[in-house]
Amino acid sequence: MIVETIAAGAAAVLGPYLAEAGKGFAKKAGEALAEKASNLYQTIKAKFADDPDAEQALALVESKPDSKGRLLTLKEVLAQKMNGDPEFAATVNRLVAEAKKSDVHNVIAIGERNVALGGDAIGSTIITGNDNEVGGS
């Protein structure tokens, strides 16, 4: 299990959840996703409780959840915690996977150069990379 990828997934779930927490996240994202995001948030918050630096990283994201820099810091701290605690890493991984499955309104792509699809892609050609040209022959 790659903890950096799991941490990125957790941040992808938590960012919108924290940004919309007071504005009806459940209405926008759905009850199931709101519940899963809340469980993820509470799990991370509990793990960070005895570490002032980790608590501060989470508090900074709570105060400005759309900040890419703050989310990056949270991802780094989260990855560090998961590296030191495989059981915690497995729990976060499970919660992120559950959140992704329950998200019926959005598509979450995690990692660099990924492709996100919001539906069926059977029979489709997906081309990734830089400076590609697609044309008929």
N, C-alpha and C. Protein backbone atom coordinates (compact mmCIF):
# COMPACT_ATOMS: atom_id res chain seq x y z
N MET A 1 0.85 -1.17 0.00
CA MET A 1 0.00 0.00 0.00
C MET A 1 0.90 1.23 0.00
N ILE A 2 0.63 2.16 -0.89
CA ILE A 2 1.42 3.38 -1.01
C ILE A 2 0.74 4.48 -0.21
N VAL A 3 1.36 4.84 0.92
CA VAL A 3 0.72 5.78 1.84
C VAL A 3 0.56 7.17 1.24
N GLU A 4 1.46 7.57 0.35
CA GLU A 4 1.33 8.89 -0.27
C GLU A 4 0.05 8.98 -1.11
N THR A 5 -0.28 7.91 -1.81
CA THR A 5 -1.49 7.87 -2.62
C THR A 5 -2.73 7.87 -1.73
N ILE A 6 -2.66 7.12 -0.64
CA ILE A 6 -3.79 7.09 0.31
C ILE A 6 -3.98 8.47 0.93
N ALA A 7 -2.86 9.11 1.31
CA ALA A 7 -2.94 10.45 1.90
C ALA A 7 -3.54 11.45 0.92
N ALA A 8 -3.17 11.33 -0.35
CA ALA A 8 -3.74 12.22 -1.37
C ALA A 8 -5.24 11.98 -1.50
N GLY A 9 -5.65 10.72 -1.43
CA GLY A 9 -7.07 10.41 -1.49
C GLY A 9 -7.83 10.97 -0.30
N ALA A 10 -7.21 10.88 0.88
CA ALA A 10 -7.84 11.43 2.08
C ALA A 10 -8.01 12.94 1.96
N ALA A 11 -6.98 13.62 1.46
CA ALA A 11 -7.06 15.07 1.28
C ALA A 11 -8.11 15.43 0.24
N ALA A 12 -8.23 14.60 -0.81
CA ALA A 12 -9.24 14.86 -1.85
C ALA A 12 -10.65 14.74 -1.30
N VAL A 13 -10.84 13.89 -0.31
CA VAL A 13 -12.15 13.75 0.32
C VAL A 13 -12.36 14.85 1.36
N LEU A 14 -11.33 15.11 2.17
CA LEU A 14 -11.48 16.06 3.28
C LEU A 14 -11.59 17.51 2.82
N GLY A 15 -10.87 17.90 1.76
CA GLY A 15 -10.90 19.28 1.31
C GLY A 15 -12.32 19.79 1.06
N PRO A 16 -13.08 19.14 0.19
CA PRO A 16 -14.46 19.59 -0.06
C PRO A 16 -15.35 19.44 1.17
N TYR A 17 -15.13 18.38 1.95
CA TYR A 17 -15.93 18.17 3.15
C TYR A 17 -15.75 19.33 4.13
N LEU A 18 -14.50 19.71 4.37
CA LEU A 18 -14.24 20.81 5.30
C LEU A 18 -14.68 22.15 4.73
N ALA A 19 -14.53 22.32 3.42
CA ALA A 19 -14.94 23.58 2.79
C ALA A 19 -16.45 23.78 2.87
N GLU A 20 -17.20 22.70 2.81
CA GLU A 20 -18.66 22.78 2.79
C GLU A 20 -19.30 22.36 4.10
N ALA A 21 -18.51 22.08 5.12
CA ALA A 21 -19.05 21.54 6.38
C ALA A 21 -20.17 22.40 6.94
N GLY A 22 -20.00 23.68 6.91
CA GLY A 22 -21.03 24.56 7.45
C GLY A 22 -22.05 24.98 6.42
N LYS A 23 -21.91 24.52 5.18
CA LYS A 23 -22.78 24.98 4.10
C LYS A 23 -23.60 23.84 3.50
N GLY A 24 -23.81 22.81 4.26
CA GLY A 24 -24.66 21.73 3.76
C GLY A 24 -23.95 20.76 2.85
N PHE A 25 -22.81 20.24 3.26
CA PHE A 25 -22.07 19.28 2.45
C PHE A 25 -22.95 18.09 2.07
N ALA A 26 -23.75 17.61 3.01
CA ALA A 26 -24.59 16.44 2.74
C ALA A 26 -25.58 16.70 1.61
N LYS A 27 -26.11 17.93 1.53
CA LYS A 27 -27.04 18.26 0.44
C LYS A 27 -26.35 18.20 -0.90
N LYS A 28 -25.12 18.72 -0.96
CA LYS A 28 -24.40 18.76 -2.22
C LYS A 28 -23.84 17.39 -2.61
N ALA A 29 -23.25 16.70 -1.64
CA ALA A 29 -22.52 15.48 -1.96
C ALA A 29 -23.32 14.21 -1.72
N GLY A 30 -24.36 14.31 -0.93
CA GLY A 30 -25.14 13.13 -0.57
C GLY A 30 -24.84 12.68 0.84
N GLU A 31 -25.84 12.10 1.46
CA GLU A 31 -25.71 11.67 2.87
C GLU A 31 -24.62 10.63 3.05
N ALA A 32 -24.53 9.66 2.15
CA ALA A 32 -23.56 8.58 2.30
C ALA A 32 -22.13 9.12 2.28
N LEU A 33 -21.84 10.00 1.32
CA LEU A 33 -20.49 10.56 1.24
C LEU A 33 -20.20 11.44 2.45
N ALA A 34 -21.17 12.20 2.89
CA ALA A 34 -20.98 13.06 4.06
C ALA A 34 -20.63 12.22 5.28
N GLU A 35 -21.31 11.09 5.44
CA GLU A 35 -21.03 10.21 6.57
C GLU A 35 -19.62 9.62 6.47
N LYS A 36 -19.24 9.18 5.28
CA LYS A 36 -17.90 8.58 5.09
C LYS A 36 -16.81 9.63 5.30
N ALA A 37 -17.02 10.83 4.78
CA ALA A 37 -16.04 11.91 4.96
C ALA A 37 -15.93 12.28 6.43
N SER A 38 -17.04 12.31 7.13
CA SER A 38 -17.02 12.60 8.57
C SER A 38 -16.25 11.53 9.33
N ASN A 39 -16.47 10.27 9.00
CA ASN A 39 -15.74 9.18 9.65
C ASN A 39 -14.24 9.30 9.40
N LEU A 40 -13.87 9.63 8.17
CA LEU A 40 -12.46 9.81 7.83
C LEU A 40 -11.86 10.96 8.63
N TYR A 41 -12.56 12.07 8.66
CA TYR A 41 -12.10 13.25 9.40
C TYR A 41 -11.91 12.93 10.88
N GLN A 42 -12.90 12.27 11.49
CA GLN A 42 -12.82 11.94 12.92
C GLN A 42 -11.67 10.97 13.21
N THR A 43 -11.43 10.03 12.32
CA THR A 43 -10.34 9.07 12.47
C THR A 43 -8.99 9.78 12.44
N ILE A 44 -8.84 10.68 11.48
CA ILE A 44 -7.57 11.43 11.36
C ILE A 44 -7.40 12.36 12.55
N LYS A 45 -8.44 13.04 12.93
CA LYS A 45 -8.38 13.97 14.06
C LYS A 45 -7.98 13.24 15.34
N ALA A 46 -8.53 12.06 15.57
CA ALA A 46 -8.19 11.27 16.75
C ALA A 46 -6.72 10.84 16.73
N LYS A 47 -6.23 10.45 15.55
CA LYS A 47 -4.83 10.02 15.43
C LYS A 47 -3.87 11.19 15.67
N PHE A 48 -4.27 12.38 15.27
CA PHE A 48 -3.42 13.56 15.41
C PHE A 48 -3.47 14.18 16.81
N ALA A 49 -4.36 13.70 17.67
CA ALA A 49 -4.67 14.35 18.95
C ALA A 49 -3.47 14.58 19.86
N ASP A 50 -2.51 13.71 19.87
CA ASP A 50 -1.38 13.85 20.79
C ASP A 50 -0.13 14.44 20.13
N ASP A 51 -0.28 14.96 18.93
CA ASP A 51 0.85 15.52 18.19
C ASP A 51 0.53 16.96 17.80
N PRO A 52 1.13 17.94 18.50
CA PRO A 52 0.80 19.35 18.23
C PRO A 52 1.05 19.77 16.78
N ASP A 53 2.10 19.26 16.15
CA ASP A 53 2.37 19.62 14.75
C ASP A 53 1.28 19.07 13.83
N ALA A 54 0.88 17.83 14.06
CA ALA A 54 -0.17 17.23 13.25
C ALA A 54 -1.50 17.94 13.48
N GLU A 55 -1.78 18.26 14.74
CA GLU A 55 -3.02 19.00 15.05
C GLU A 55 -3.04 20.35 14.34
N GLN A 56 -1.88 21.01 14.31
CA GLN A 56 -1.79 22.31 13.65
C GLN A 56 -2.01 22.17 12.14
N ALA A 57 -1.44 21.13 11.54
CA ALA A 57 -1.64 20.91 10.09
C ALA A 57 -3.12 20.73 9.78
N LEU A 58 -3.81 19.96 10.62
CA LEU A 58 -5.24 19.74 10.41
C LEU A 58 -6.03 21.02 10.66
N ALA A 59 -5.66 21.76 11.69
CA ALA A 59 -6.36 23.02 12.00
C ALA A 59 -6.20 24.02 10.86
N LEU A 60 -5.02 24.06 10.24
CA LEU A 60 -4.81 24.98 9.12
C LEU A 60 -5.71 24.62 7.94
N VAL A 61 -5.87 23.33 7.68
CA VAL A 61 -6.76 22.91 6.59
C VAL A 61 -8.21 23.21 6.96
N GLU A 62 -8.55 23.02 8.22
CA GLU A 62 -9.91 23.33 8.67
C GLU A 62 -10.24 24.80 8.45
N SER A 63 -9.26 25.67 8.69
CA SER A 63 -9.51 27.11 8.56
C SER A 63 -9.49 27.59 7.11
N LYS A 64 -8.78 26.87 6.24
CA LYS A 64 -8.72 27.26 4.83
C LYS A 64 -8.58 25.99 3.97
N PRO A 65 -9.67 25.23 3.83
CA PRO A 65 -9.60 23.93 3.17
C PRO A 65 -9.33 23.97 1.67
N ASP A 66 -9.44 25.12 1.05
CA ASP A 66 -9.15 25.21 -0.39
C ASP A 66 -7.70 25.57 -0.68
N SER A 67 -6.87 25.67 0.35
CA SER A 67 -5.46 26.00 0.18
C SER A 67 -4.67 24.76 -0.23
N LYS A 68 -4.10 24.79 -1.42
CA LYS A 68 -3.32 23.66 -1.90
C LYS A 68 -2.09 23.41 -1.01
N GLY A 69 -1.47 24.49 -0.53
CA GLY A 69 -0.31 24.34 0.33
C GLY A 69 -0.65 23.67 1.65
N ARG A 70 -1.77 24.06 2.22
CA ARG A 70 -2.19 23.45 3.49
C ARG A 70 -2.59 21.99 3.30
N LEU A 71 -3.25 21.69 2.19
CA LEU A 71 -3.60 20.30 1.91
C LEU A 71 -2.35 19.45 1.67
N LEU A 72 -1.35 20.04 1.04
CA LEU A 72 -0.08 19.33 0.82
C LEU A 72 0.59 19.01 2.16
N THR A 73 0.59 19.98 3.07
CA THR A 73 1.16 19.75 4.40
C THR A 73 0.41 18.64 5.12
N LEU A 74 -0.92 18.67 5.03
CA LEU A 74 -1.73 17.63 5.66
C LEU A 74 -1.39 16.27 5.06
N LYS A 75 -1.25 16.21 3.74
CA LYS A 75 -0.91 14.94 3.09
C LYS A 75 0.43 14.41 3.61
N GLU A 76 1.41 15.30 3.75
CA GLU A 76 2.73 14.87 4.24
C GLU A 76 2.67 14.34 5.66
N VAL A 77 1.95 15.04 6.53
CA VAL A 77 1.82 14.61 7.92
C VAL A 77 1.05 13.30 7.99
N LEU A 78 0.00 13.19 7.21
CA LEU A 78 -0.80 11.98 7.18
C LEU A 78 0.02 10.79 6.69
N ALA A 79 0.80 10.99 5.64
CA ALA A 79 1.66 9.92 5.13
C ALA A 79 2.67 9.48 6.18
N GLN A 80 3.23 10.43 6.90
CA GLN A 80 4.18 10.12 7.97
C GLN A 80 3.51 9.27 9.06
N LYS A 81 2.32 9.66 9.45
CA LYS A 81 1.58 8.91 10.48
C LYS A 81 1.26 7.49 9.99
N MET A 82 0.88 7.37 8.73
CA MET A 82 0.54 6.06 8.19
C MET A 82 1.77 5.18 8.05
N ASN A 83 2.91 5.77 7.71
CA ASN A 83 4.15 4.99 7.63
C ASN A 83 4.50 4.39 8.99
N GLY A 84 4.19 5.10 10.06
CA GLY A 84 4.51 4.62 11.40
C GLY A 84 3.45 3.72 12.01
N ASP A 85 2.30 3.59 11.35
CA ASP A 85 1.20 2.82 11.92
C ASP A 85 0.41 2.15 10.79
N PRO A 86 0.81 0.92 10.42
CA PRO A 86 0.14 0.22 9.32
C PRO A 86 -1.36 0.01 9.55
N GLU A 87 -1.78 -0.17 10.78
CA GLU A 87 -3.20 -0.35 11.08
C GLU A 87 -3.98 0.94 10.76
N PHE A 88 -3.40 2.08 11.13
CA PHE A 88 -4.00 3.37 10.82
C PHE A 88 -4.06 3.57 9.30
N ALA A 89 -2.98 3.20 8.62
CA ALA A 89 -2.94 3.31 7.16
C ALA A 89 -4.04 2.48 6.52
N ALA A 90 -4.24 1.27 7.01
CA ALA A 90 -5.28 0.40 6.46
C ALA A 90 -6.67 0.99 6.71
N THR A 91 -6.86 1.58 7.89
CA THR A 91 -8.15 2.20 8.21
C THR A 91 -8.42 3.38 7.29
N VAL A 92 -7.42 4.25 7.12
CA VAL A 92 -7.59 5.41 6.24
C VAL A 92 -7.84 4.95 4.81
N ASN A 93 -7.12 3.96 4.36
CA ASN A 93 -7.29 3.42 3.02
C ASN A 93 -8.73 2.92 2.83
N ARG A 94 -9.24 2.19 3.81
CA ARG A 94 -10.61 1.67 3.74
C ARG A 94 -11.63 2.81 3.70
N LEU A 95 -11.43 3.81 4.55
CA LEU A 95 -12.37 4.93 4.61
C LEU A 95 -12.36 5.76 3.32
N VAL A 96 -11.19 5.95 2.73
CA VAL A 96 -11.10 6.67 1.46
C VAL A 96 -11.80 5.87 0.36
N ALA A 97 -11.59 4.56 0.33
CA ALA A 97 -12.25 3.72 -0.67
C ALA A 97 -13.76 3.76 -0.50
N GLU A 98 -14.23 3.71 0.74
CA GLU A 98 -15.67 3.78 1.00
C GLU A 98 -16.24 5.14 0.56
N ALA A 99 -15.49 6.20 0.82
CA ALA A 99 -15.95 7.53 0.42
C ALA A 99 -16.05 7.63 -1.10
N LYS A 100 -15.05 7.11 -1.79
CA LYS A 100 -15.09 7.15 -3.26
C LYS A 100 -16.27 6.37 -3.81
N LYS A 101 -16.57 5.22 -3.22
CA LYS A 101 -17.69 4.41 -3.68
C LYS A 101 -19.04 5.09 -3.44
N SER A 102 -19.12 5.85 -2.35
CA SER A 102 -20.40 6.48 -2.01
C SER A 102 -20.60 7.83 -2.69
N ASP A 103 -19.59 8.32 -3.39
CA ASP A 103 -19.69 9.62 -4.05
C ASP A 103 -20.35 9.45 -5.41
N VAL A 104 -21.64 9.74 -5.46
CA VAL A 104 -22.39 9.59 -6.71
C VAL A 104 -22.46 10.88 -7.52
N HIS A 105 -21.94 11.97 -6.98
CA HIS A 105 -22.03 13.27 -7.65
C HIS A 105 -20.72 13.74 -8.26
N ASN A 106 -19.61 13.20 -7.81
CA ASN A 106 -18.31 13.70 -8.24
C ASN A 106 -17.42 12.55 -8.67
N VAL A 107 -16.36 12.90 -9.35
CA VAL A 107 -15.34 11.94 -9.71
C VAL A 107 -14.05 12.43 -9.07
N ILE A 108 -13.36 11.55 -8.36
CA ILE A 108 -12.13 11.93 -7.69
C ILE A 108 -10.99 11.19 -8.37
N ALA A 109 -10.03 11.94 -8.91
CA ALA A 109 -8.83 11.36 -9.49
C ALA A 109 -7.68 11.65 -8.54
N ILE A 110 -6.96 10.63 -8.15
CA ILE A 110 -5.90 10.78 -7.17
C ILE A 110 -4.57 10.46 -7.83
N GLY A 111 -3.58 11.32 -7.62
CA GLY A 111 -2.26 11.10 -8.16
C GLY A 111 -2.02 11.92 -9.41
N GLU A 112 -0.79 11.92 -9.83
CA GLU A 112 -0.43 12.69 -11.01
C GLU A 112 -0.81 11.94 -12.28
N ARG A 113 -1.27 12.69 -13.26
CA ARG A 113 -1.55 12.19 -14.61
C ARG A 113 -2.61 11.08 -14.65
N ASN A 114 -3.57 11.16 -13.74
CA ASN A 114 -4.66 10.20 -13.75
C ASN A 114 -5.79 10.72 -14.61
N VAL A 115 -6.68 9.84 -14.98
CA VAL A 115 -7.85 10.17 -15.77
C VAL A 115 -9.07 9.89 -14.91
N ALA A 116 -9.97 10.84 -14.85
CA ALA A 116 -11.20 10.65 -14.09
C ALA A 116 -12.37 10.57 -15.06
N LEU A 117 -13.20 9.56 -14.89
CA LEU A 117 -14.36 9.38 -15.74
C LEU A 117 -15.61 9.37 -14.88
N GLY A 118 -16.61 10.03 -15.31
CA GLY A 118 -17.87 10.04 -14.59
C GLY A 118 -18.91 9.21 -15.32
N GLY A 119 -18.62 7.98 -15.57
CA GLY A 119 -19.57 7.13 -16.27
C GLY A 119 -18.87 6.00 -16.99
N ASP A 120 -19.51 5.48 -17.99
CA ASP A 120 -19.02 4.32 -18.73
C ASP A 120 -18.04 4.77 -19.82
N ALA A 121 -16.92 4.07 -19.91
CA ALA A 121 -15.93 4.40 -20.94
C ALA A 121 -15.68 3.23 -21.88
N ILE A 122 -16.62 2.30 -21.92
CA ILE A 122 -16.46 1.13 -22.78
C ILE A 122 -16.40 1.58 -24.23
N GLY A 123 -15.39 1.10 -24.94
CA GLY A 123 -15.23 1.43 -26.34
C GLY A 123 -14.59 2.78 -26.60
N SER A 124 -14.18 3.46 -25.55
CA SER A 124 -13.56 4.78 -25.69
C SER A 124 -12.05 4.66 -25.76
N THR A 125 -11.44 5.61 -26.42
CA THR A 125 -9.99 5.71 -26.44
C THR A 125 -9.60 6.84 -25.51
N ILE A 126 -8.71 6.53 -24.59
CA ILE A 126 -8.24 7.54 -23.63
C ILE A 126 -6.76 7.73 -23.86
N ILE A 127 -6.39 8.96 -24.18
CA ILE A 127 -4.99 9.27 -24.47
C ILE A 127 -4.50 10.24 -23.42
N THR A 128 -3.36 9.92 -22.83
CA THR A 128 -2.77 10.81 -21.84
C THR A 128 -1.35 11.16 -22.26
N GLY A 129 -0.80 12.15 -21.62
CA GLY A 129 0.57 12.54 -21.92
C GLY A 129 0.64 13.99 -22.34
N ASN A 130 1.80 14.41 -22.74
CA ASN A 130 2.03 15.79 -23.15
C ASN A 130 2.21 15.86 -24.67
N ASP A 131 1.70 16.90 -25.25
CA ASP A 131 1.92 17.21 -26.66
C ASP A 131 1.47 16.09 -27.60
N ASN A 132 0.42 15.40 -27.24
CA ASN A 132 -0.11 14.36 -28.11
C ASN A 132 -0.99 14.97 -29.19
N GLU A 133 -0.99 14.37 -30.34
CA GLU A 133 -1.87 14.78 -31.42
C GLU A 133 -2.71 13.59 -31.84
N VAL A 134 -3.99 13.81 -31.95
CA VAL A 134 -4.89 12.72 -32.32
C VAL A 134 -5.54 13.12 -33.65
N GLY A 135 -5.48 12.23 -34.58
CA GLY A 135 -6.08 12.53 -35.89
C GLY A 135 -6.38 11.24 -36.64
N GLY A 136 -7.19 11.37 -37.64
CA GLY A 136 -7.53 10.20 -38.46
C GLY A 136 -6.41 9.90 -39.45
N SER A 137 -6.35 8.67 -39.88
CA SER A 137 -5.31 8.31 -40.86
C SER A 137 -5.92 7.97 -42.18
